[in-house]
Amino acid sequence: MKKIQTANAPAAIGPYSQGIQVGQFLFISGQLPINPDTGSFPKGDIRDMTVQVLKNIQEILKEAGGTMNNVVKTTIFVKDLRDFAFINEVYDKFFDSVPPARSCVEVSDIPKGAPVEIEAIATLCVEK
């Protein structure tokens, strides 16, 4: 196992790693909409929050030598499923023609009161 860590994504807020690489697979911990430069959520709506989450995932992938095209599966946790269409507007822009497999679930709470959290699994030796 190899720990993947970058200052360009928020530091872990507990005893976990931003990412763990095992062979060709990269497991990215759930990312909150925390701007790593300010330590806070961006101002704005769920779209702005989703952009920040996906940028954080991009930076962890970059540190491991990958891109969003390497993502094969994501799980989205959202506090209000009515935000799903707005999340999709942003999400679609981060992936090329072959988006990853995905699950989305509404949850009662997310750490730090975030409205959205996304985790990802990527494969680093296969290009889509």
N, C-alpha and C. Protein backbone atom coordinates (compact mmCIF):
# COMPACT_ATOMS: atom_id res chain seq x y z
N MET A 1 0.84 -1.19 0.00
CA MET A 1 0.00 0.00 0.00
C MET A 1 0.88 1.24 0.00
N LYS A 2 0.44 2.22 -0.75
CA LYS A 2 1.16 3.49 -0.82
C LYS A 2 0.19 4.61 -0.49
N LYS A 3 0.57 5.45 0.46
CA LYS A 3 -0.24 6.60 0.83
C LYS A 3 -0.06 7.70 -0.21
N ILE A 4 -1.19 8.27 -0.66
CA ILE A 4 -1.16 9.39 -1.59
C ILE A 4 -1.60 10.63 -0.81
N GLN A 5 -0.75 11.63 -0.81
CA GLN A 5 -0.99 12.84 -0.01
C GLN A 5 -0.57 14.06 -0.82
N THR A 6 -1.42 15.08 -0.85
CA THR A 6 -1.07 16.32 -1.52
C THR A 6 -1.57 17.51 -0.72
N ALA A 7 -0.80 18.58 -0.73
CA ALA A 7 -1.24 19.83 -0.09
C ALA A 7 -2.28 20.55 -0.93
N ASN A 8 -2.51 20.08 -2.15
CA ASN A 8 -3.47 20.70 -3.05
C ASN A 8 -4.90 20.20 -2.86
N ALA A 9 -5.09 19.34 -1.87
CA ALA A 9 -6.42 18.88 -1.46
C ALA A 9 -6.44 19.00 0.06
N PRO A 10 -7.64 19.08 0.65
CA PRO A 10 -7.70 19.26 2.10
C PRO A 10 -7.05 18.10 2.85
N ALA A 11 -6.39 18.43 3.93
CA ALA A 11 -5.81 17.41 4.80
C ALA A 11 -6.93 16.59 5.42
N ALA A 12 -6.62 15.34 5.71
CA ALA A 12 -7.60 14.47 6.36
C ALA A 12 -8.02 15.08 7.70
N ILE A 13 -9.31 14.97 8.01
CA ILE A 13 -9.80 15.51 9.28
C ILE A 13 -9.96 14.42 10.34
N GLY A 14 -9.33 13.30 10.08
CA GLY A 14 -9.37 12.17 11.01
C GLY A 14 -8.26 11.20 10.67
N PRO A 15 -8.30 10.02 11.27
CA PRO A 15 -7.25 9.02 11.03
C PRO A 15 -7.47 8.24 9.72
N TYR A 16 -7.27 8.91 8.60
CA TYR A 16 -7.39 8.27 7.29
C TYR A 16 -6.48 9.01 6.32
N SER A 17 -6.29 8.43 5.16
CA SER A 17 -5.44 9.01 4.12
C SER A 17 -6.31 9.62 3.03
N GLN A 18 -5.79 10.64 2.35
CA GLN A 18 -6.51 11.18 1.20
C GLN A 18 -6.73 10.09 0.16
N GLY A 19 -5.70 9.31 -0.06
CA GLY A 19 -5.79 8.22 -1.01
C GLY A 19 -4.82 7.12 -0.65
N ILE A 20 -5.17 5.90 -1.06
CA ILE A 20 -4.30 4.74 -0.89
C ILE A 20 -4.22 4.03 -2.23
N GLN A 21 -2.99 3.83 -2.69
CA GLN A 21 -2.77 3.09 -3.93
C GLN A 21 -2.36 1.67 -3.58
N VAL A 22 -3.06 0.73 -4.19
CA VAL A 22 -2.74 -0.69 -4.05
C VAL A 22 -2.63 -1.24 -5.47
N GLY A 23 -1.41 -1.53 -5.89
CA GLY A 23 -1.22 -1.97 -7.27
C GLY A 23 -1.69 -0.87 -8.22
N GLN A 24 -2.55 -1.24 -9.16
CA GLN A 24 -3.05 -0.26 -10.14
C GLN A 24 -4.24 0.53 -9.61
N PHE A 25 -4.75 0.16 -8.45
CA PHE A 25 -5.96 0.81 -7.94
C PHE A 25 -5.65 1.94 -6.96
N LEU A 26 -6.41 3.02 -7.09
CA LEU A 26 -6.32 4.14 -6.18
C LEU A 26 -7.69 4.33 -5.53
N PHE A 27 -7.71 4.29 -4.22
CA PHE A 27 -8.94 4.48 -3.44
C PHE A 27 -8.86 5.86 -2.80
N ILE A 28 -9.77 6.75 -3.21
CA ILE A 28 -9.76 8.12 -2.72
C ILE A 28 -10.85 8.27 -1.67
N SER A 29 -10.45 8.71 -0.49
CA SER A 29 -11.39 8.93 0.60
C SER A 29 -12.41 9.98 0.22
N GLY A 30 -13.56 9.94 0.86
CA GLY A 30 -14.60 10.92 0.61
C GLY A 30 -14.06 12.33 0.76
N GLN A 31 -14.29 13.14 -0.25
CA GLN A 31 -13.81 14.52 -0.26
C GLN A 31 -14.96 15.48 0.00
N LEU A 32 -14.70 16.40 0.91
CA LEU A 32 -15.66 17.46 1.23
C LEU A 32 -15.34 18.68 0.38
N PRO A 33 -16.26 19.64 0.33
CA PRO A 33 -16.00 20.85 -0.45
C PRO A 33 -15.14 21.87 0.30
N ILE A 34 -14.01 21.40 0.79
CA ILE A 34 -13.10 22.28 1.53
C ILE A 34 -12.02 22.77 0.58
N ASN A 35 -11.87 24.08 0.51
CA ASN A 35 -10.79 24.68 -0.26
C ASN A 35 -9.51 24.49 0.55
N PRO A 36 -8.50 23.80 -0.01
CA PRO A 36 -7.29 23.55 0.77
C PRO A 36 -6.51 24.80 1.13
N ASP A 37 -6.71 25.89 0.38
CA ASP A 37 -6.00 27.14 0.67
C ASP A 37 -6.61 27.90 1.84
N THR A 38 -7.93 27.81 1.97
CA THR A 38 -8.62 28.57 3.02
C THR A 38 -9.09 27.71 4.18
N GLY A 39 -9.24 26.40 3.94
CA GLY A 39 -9.75 25.51 4.97
C GLY A 39 -11.25 25.63 5.17
N SER A 40 -11.92 26.32 4.26
CA SER A 40 -13.37 26.50 4.41
C SER A 40 -14.10 26.12 3.13
N PHE A 41 -15.42 26.06 3.24
CA PHE A 41 -16.26 25.78 2.08
C PHE A 41 -16.29 27.00 1.18
N PRO A 42 -16.44 26.79 -0.13
CA PRO A 42 -16.58 27.94 -1.02
C PRO A 42 -17.93 28.62 -0.79
N LYS A 43 -17.98 29.88 -1.07
CA LYS A 43 -19.26 30.59 -1.00
C LYS A 43 -20.06 30.17 -2.23
N GLY A 44 -21.35 30.03 -2.07
CA GLY A 44 -22.18 29.68 -3.22
C GLY A 44 -23.12 28.53 -2.92
N ASP A 45 -23.61 27.93 -4.00
CA ASP A 45 -24.62 26.89 -3.87
C ASP A 45 -24.00 25.49 -4.02
N ILE A 46 -24.86 24.50 -4.16
CA ILE A 46 -24.40 23.11 -4.26
C ILE A 46 -23.51 22.90 -5.47
N ARG A 47 -23.70 23.67 -6.52
CA ARG A 47 -22.84 23.56 -7.70
C ARG A 47 -21.40 23.93 -7.34
N ASP A 48 -21.26 25.05 -6.63
CA ASP A 48 -19.92 25.50 -6.21
C ASP A 48 -19.27 24.49 -5.27
N MET A 49 -20.08 23.90 -4.40
CA MET A 49 -19.57 22.90 -3.47
C MET A 49 -19.10 21.66 -4.24
N THR A 50 -19.87 21.25 -5.23
CA THR A 50 -19.52 20.07 -6.02
C THR A 50 -18.25 20.32 -6.83
N VAL A 51 -18.11 21.50 -7.40
CA VAL A 51 -16.87 21.84 -8.12
C VAL A 51 -15.67 21.66 -7.20
N GLN A 52 -15.76 22.16 -5.98
CA GLN A 52 -14.62 22.06 -5.05
C GLN A 52 -14.31 20.61 -4.71
N VAL A 53 -15.34 19.81 -4.48
CA VAL A 53 -15.14 18.39 -4.18
C VAL A 53 -14.40 17.71 -5.33
N LEU A 54 -14.86 17.94 -6.55
CA LEU A 54 -14.26 17.29 -7.71
C LEU A 54 -12.85 17.81 -7.99
N LYS A 55 -12.59 19.08 -7.71
CA LYS A 55 -11.22 19.60 -7.83
C LYS A 55 -10.30 18.91 -6.82
N ASN A 56 -10.80 18.66 -5.62
CA ASN A 56 -10.00 17.96 -4.62
C ASN A 56 -9.65 16.55 -5.09
N ILE A 57 -10.64 15.87 -5.67
CA ILE A 57 -10.39 14.53 -6.21
C ILE A 57 -9.37 14.60 -7.34
N GLN A 58 -9.49 15.58 -8.22
CA GLN A 58 -8.53 15.76 -9.31
C GLN A 58 -7.11 15.89 -8.79
N GLU A 59 -6.94 16.67 -7.73
CA GLU A 59 -5.59 16.90 -7.19
C GLU A 59 -4.99 15.63 -6.59
N ILE A 60 -5.81 14.83 -5.95
CA ILE A 60 -5.31 13.56 -5.40
C ILE A 60 -4.93 12.62 -6.54
N LEU A 61 -5.76 12.57 -7.57
CA LEU A 61 -5.43 11.76 -8.75
C LEU A 61 -4.13 12.24 -9.39
N LYS A 62 -3.98 13.54 -9.53
CA LYS A 62 -2.78 14.11 -10.13
C LYS A 62 -1.54 13.70 -9.34
N GLU A 63 -1.64 13.75 -8.02
CA GLU A 63 -0.50 13.35 -7.17
C GLU A 63 -0.10 11.90 -7.41
N ALA A 64 -1.08 11.06 -7.75
CA ALA A 64 -0.83 9.64 -8.00
C ALA A 64 -0.47 9.37 -9.46
N GLY A 65 -0.48 10.42 -10.30
CA GLY A 65 -0.14 10.25 -11.70
C GLY A 65 -1.35 9.96 -12.59
N GLY A 66 -2.55 10.27 -12.11
CA GLY A 66 -3.75 9.99 -12.88
C GLY A 66 -4.55 11.24 -13.20
N THR A 67 -5.67 11.02 -13.85
CA THR A 67 -6.61 12.08 -14.18
C THR A 67 -8.02 11.57 -13.90
N MET A 68 -8.99 12.42 -14.11
CA MET A 68 -10.38 12.01 -13.92
C MET A 68 -10.75 10.87 -14.87
N ASN A 69 -10.04 10.74 -15.98
CA ASN A 69 -10.31 9.64 -16.91
C ASN A 69 -9.95 8.28 -16.32
N ASN A 70 -9.20 8.25 -15.23
CA ASN A 70 -8.84 7.00 -14.59
C ASN A 70 -9.88 6.53 -13.58
N VAL A 71 -10.85 7.38 -13.27
CA VAL A 71 -11.87 7.04 -12.27
C VAL A 71 -12.83 6.01 -12.86
N VAL A 72 -13.02 4.91 -12.13
CA VAL A 72 -13.93 3.85 -12.58
C VAL A 72 -15.22 3.78 -11.75
N LYS A 73 -15.21 4.37 -10.55
CA LYS A 73 -16.40 4.32 -9.68
C LYS A 73 -16.37 5.48 -8.70
N THR A 74 -17.51 6.10 -8.53
CA THR A 74 -17.66 7.12 -7.48
C THR A 74 -18.89 6.80 -6.66
N THR A 75 -18.86 7.31 -5.45
CA THR A 75 -20.05 7.29 -4.59
C THR A 75 -20.26 8.71 -4.12
N ILE A 76 -21.48 9.20 -4.34
CA ILE A 76 -21.85 10.55 -3.92
C ILE A 76 -22.76 10.44 -2.71
N PHE A 77 -22.41 11.19 -1.68
CA PHE A 77 -23.25 11.30 -0.48
C PHE A 77 -23.79 12.72 -0.48
N VAL A 78 -25.10 12.87 -0.39
CA VAL A 78 -25.71 14.19 -0.46
C VAL A 78 -26.73 14.31 0.66
N LYS A 79 -26.78 15.50 1.26
CA LYS A 79 -27.74 15.71 2.36
C LYS A 79 -29.16 15.90 1.86
N ASP A 80 -29.32 16.37 0.62
CA ASP A 80 -30.66 16.62 0.08
C ASP A 80 -30.69 16.12 -1.36
N LEU A 81 -31.38 15.03 -1.59
CA LEU A 81 -31.43 14.43 -2.91
C LEU A 81 -32.04 15.36 -3.96
N ARG A 82 -32.73 16.38 -3.53
CA ARG A 82 -33.25 17.37 -4.48
C ARG A 82 -32.12 18.14 -5.16
N ASP A 83 -30.90 18.08 -4.60
CA ASP A 83 -29.73 18.73 -5.21
C ASP A 83 -29.09 17.88 -6.30
N PHE A 84 -29.59 16.67 -6.50
CA PHE A 84 -28.96 15.72 -7.41
C PHE A 84 -28.81 16.28 -8.83
N ALA A 85 -29.83 16.94 -9.36
CA ALA A 85 -29.75 17.49 -10.72
C ALA A 85 -28.66 18.56 -10.82
N PHE A 86 -28.51 19.36 -9.79
CA PHE A 86 -27.48 20.41 -9.78
C PHE A 86 -26.08 19.80 -9.70
N ILE A 87 -25.95 18.74 -8.90
CA ILE A 87 -24.68 18.02 -8.80
C ILE A 87 -24.33 17.44 -10.17
N ASN A 88 -25.31 16.85 -10.84
CA ASN A 88 -25.07 16.26 -12.17
C ASN A 88 -24.59 17.29 -13.18
N GLU A 89 -25.10 18.51 -13.11
CA GLU A 89 -24.66 19.57 -14.03
C GLU A 89 -23.15 19.75 -13.97
N VAL A 90 -22.64 19.76 -12.75
CA VAL A 90 -21.20 19.96 -12.54
C VAL A 90 -20.43 18.68 -12.82
N TYR A 91 -20.90 17.58 -12.28
CA TYR A 91 -20.23 16.29 -12.38
C TYR A 91 -19.93 15.94 -13.84
N ASP A 92 -20.90 16.14 -14.70
CA ASP A 92 -20.77 15.81 -16.11
C ASP A 92 -19.59 16.51 -16.76
N LYS A 93 -19.27 17.71 -16.33
CA LYS A 93 -18.19 18.50 -16.92
C LYS A 93 -16.79 18.00 -16.54
N PHE A 94 -16.71 17.15 -15.52
CA PHE A 94 -15.41 16.68 -15.05
C PHE A 94 -14.98 15.36 -15.70
N PHE A 95 -15.88 14.75 -16.47
CA PHE A 95 -15.57 13.47 -17.09
C PHE A 95 -15.75 13.56 -18.60
N ASP A 96 -14.88 12.84 -19.33
CA ASP A 96 -14.99 12.79 -20.78
C ASP A 96 -16.17 11.92 -21.17
N SER A 97 -16.12 11.35 -22.33
CA SER A 97 -17.27 10.63 -22.89
C SER A 97 -17.66 9.36 -22.13
N VAL A 98 -16.77 8.81 -21.30
CA VAL A 98 -17.09 7.59 -20.56
C VAL A 98 -17.07 7.90 -19.06
N PRO A 99 -18.21 8.31 -18.52
CA PRO A 99 -18.24 8.59 -17.08
C PRO A 99 -18.13 7.29 -16.28
N PRO A 100 -17.62 7.39 -15.06
CA PRO A 100 -17.46 6.18 -14.24
C PRO A 100 -18.81 5.64 -13.75
N ALA A 101 -18.79 4.40 -13.30
CA ALA A 101 -19.94 3.86 -12.59
C ALA A 101 -20.15 4.72 -11.35
N ARG A 102 -21.40 4.77 -10.85
CA ARG A 102 -21.66 5.71 -9.75
C ARG A 102 -22.85 5.27 -8.93
N SER A 103 -22.79 5.62 -7.66
CA SER A 103 -23.93 5.51 -6.76
C SER A 103 -24.13 6.87 -6.12
N CYS A 104 -25.36 7.17 -5.77
CA CYS A 104 -25.66 8.40 -5.05
C CYS A 104 -26.68 8.08 -3.98
N VAL A 105 -26.37 8.48 -2.75
CA VAL A 105 -27.28 8.22 -1.65
C VAL A 105 -27.48 9.48 -0.82
N GLU A 106 -28.70 9.66 -0.36
CA GLU A 106 -29.00 10.75 0.56
C GLU A 106 -28.68 10.26 1.96
N VAL A 107 -28.01 11.11 2.71
CA VAL A 107 -27.62 10.77 4.08
C VAL A 107 -28.10 11.86 5.03
N SER A 108 -28.21 11.52 6.30
CA SER A 108 -28.73 12.50 7.26
C SER A 108 -27.72 13.56 7.63
N ASP A 109 -26.42 13.23 7.55
CA ASP A 109 -25.40 14.22 7.88
C ASP A 109 -24.09 13.82 7.23
N ILE A 110 -23.26 14.81 7.01
CA ILE A 110 -21.93 14.65 6.43
C ILE A 110 -20.98 15.43 7.33
N PRO A 111 -19.74 14.96 7.52
CA PRO A 111 -18.81 15.69 8.38
C PRO A 111 -18.75 17.19 8.05
N LYS A 112 -18.59 17.97 9.10
CA LYS A 112 -18.50 19.43 9.02
C LYS A 112 -19.77 20.08 8.45
N GLY A 113 -20.87 19.32 8.39
CA GLY A 113 -22.12 19.86 7.88
C GLY A 113 -22.13 20.09 6.38
N ALA A 114 -21.22 19.44 5.67
CA ALA A 114 -21.13 19.62 4.22
C ALA A 114 -22.41 19.11 3.55
N PRO A 115 -22.78 19.73 2.42
CA PRO A 115 -23.97 19.26 1.70
C PRO A 115 -23.69 18.10 0.76
N VAL A 116 -22.40 17.85 0.45
CA VAL A 116 -22.03 16.79 -0.48
C VAL A 116 -20.64 16.27 -0.15
N GLU A 117 -20.45 14.98 -0.40
CA GLU A 117 -19.15 14.33 -0.25
C GLU A 117 -19.06 13.28 -1.36
N ILE A 118 -17.89 13.15 -1.97
CA ILE A 118 -17.71 12.17 -3.03
C ILE A 118 -16.43 11.39 -2.78
N GLU A 119 -16.53 10.05 -2.89
CA GLU A 119 -15.35 9.20 -2.85
C GLU A 119 -15.18 8.56 -4.21
N ALA A 120 -13.95 8.10 -4.52
CA ALA A 120 -13.68 7.58 -5.86
C ALA A 120 -12.71 6.42 -5.82
N ILE A 121 -12.84 5.58 -6.83
CA ILE A 121 -11.89 4.49 -7.08
C ILE A 121 -11.39 4.69 -8.50
N ALA A 122 -10.07 4.62 -8.67
CA ALA A 122 -9.47 4.80 -9.99
C ALA A 122 -8.52 3.65 -10.28
N THR A 123 -8.30 3.41 -11.54
CA THR A 123 -7.27 2.46 -11.97
C THR A 123 -6.23 3.26 -12.74
N LEU A 124 -4.99 3.14 -12.34
CA LEU A 124 -3.95 4.03 -12.86
C LEU A 124 -3.22 3.51 -14.07
N CYS A 125 -3.49 2.28 -14.50
CA CYS A 125 -2.74 1.78 -15.67
C CYS A 125 -3.65 1.56 -16.88
N VAL A 126 -4.91 1.95 -16.76
CA VAL A 126 -5.84 1.76 -17.87
C VAL A 126 -6.39 3.12 -18.27
N GLU A 127 -6.23 3.48 -19.52
CA GLU A 127 -6.82 4.74 -20.02
C GLU A 127 -8.16 4.41 -20.63
N LYS A 128 -9.13 5.30 -20.39
CA LYS A 128 -10.46 5.13 -20.97
C LYS A 128 -10.49 5.79 -22.32
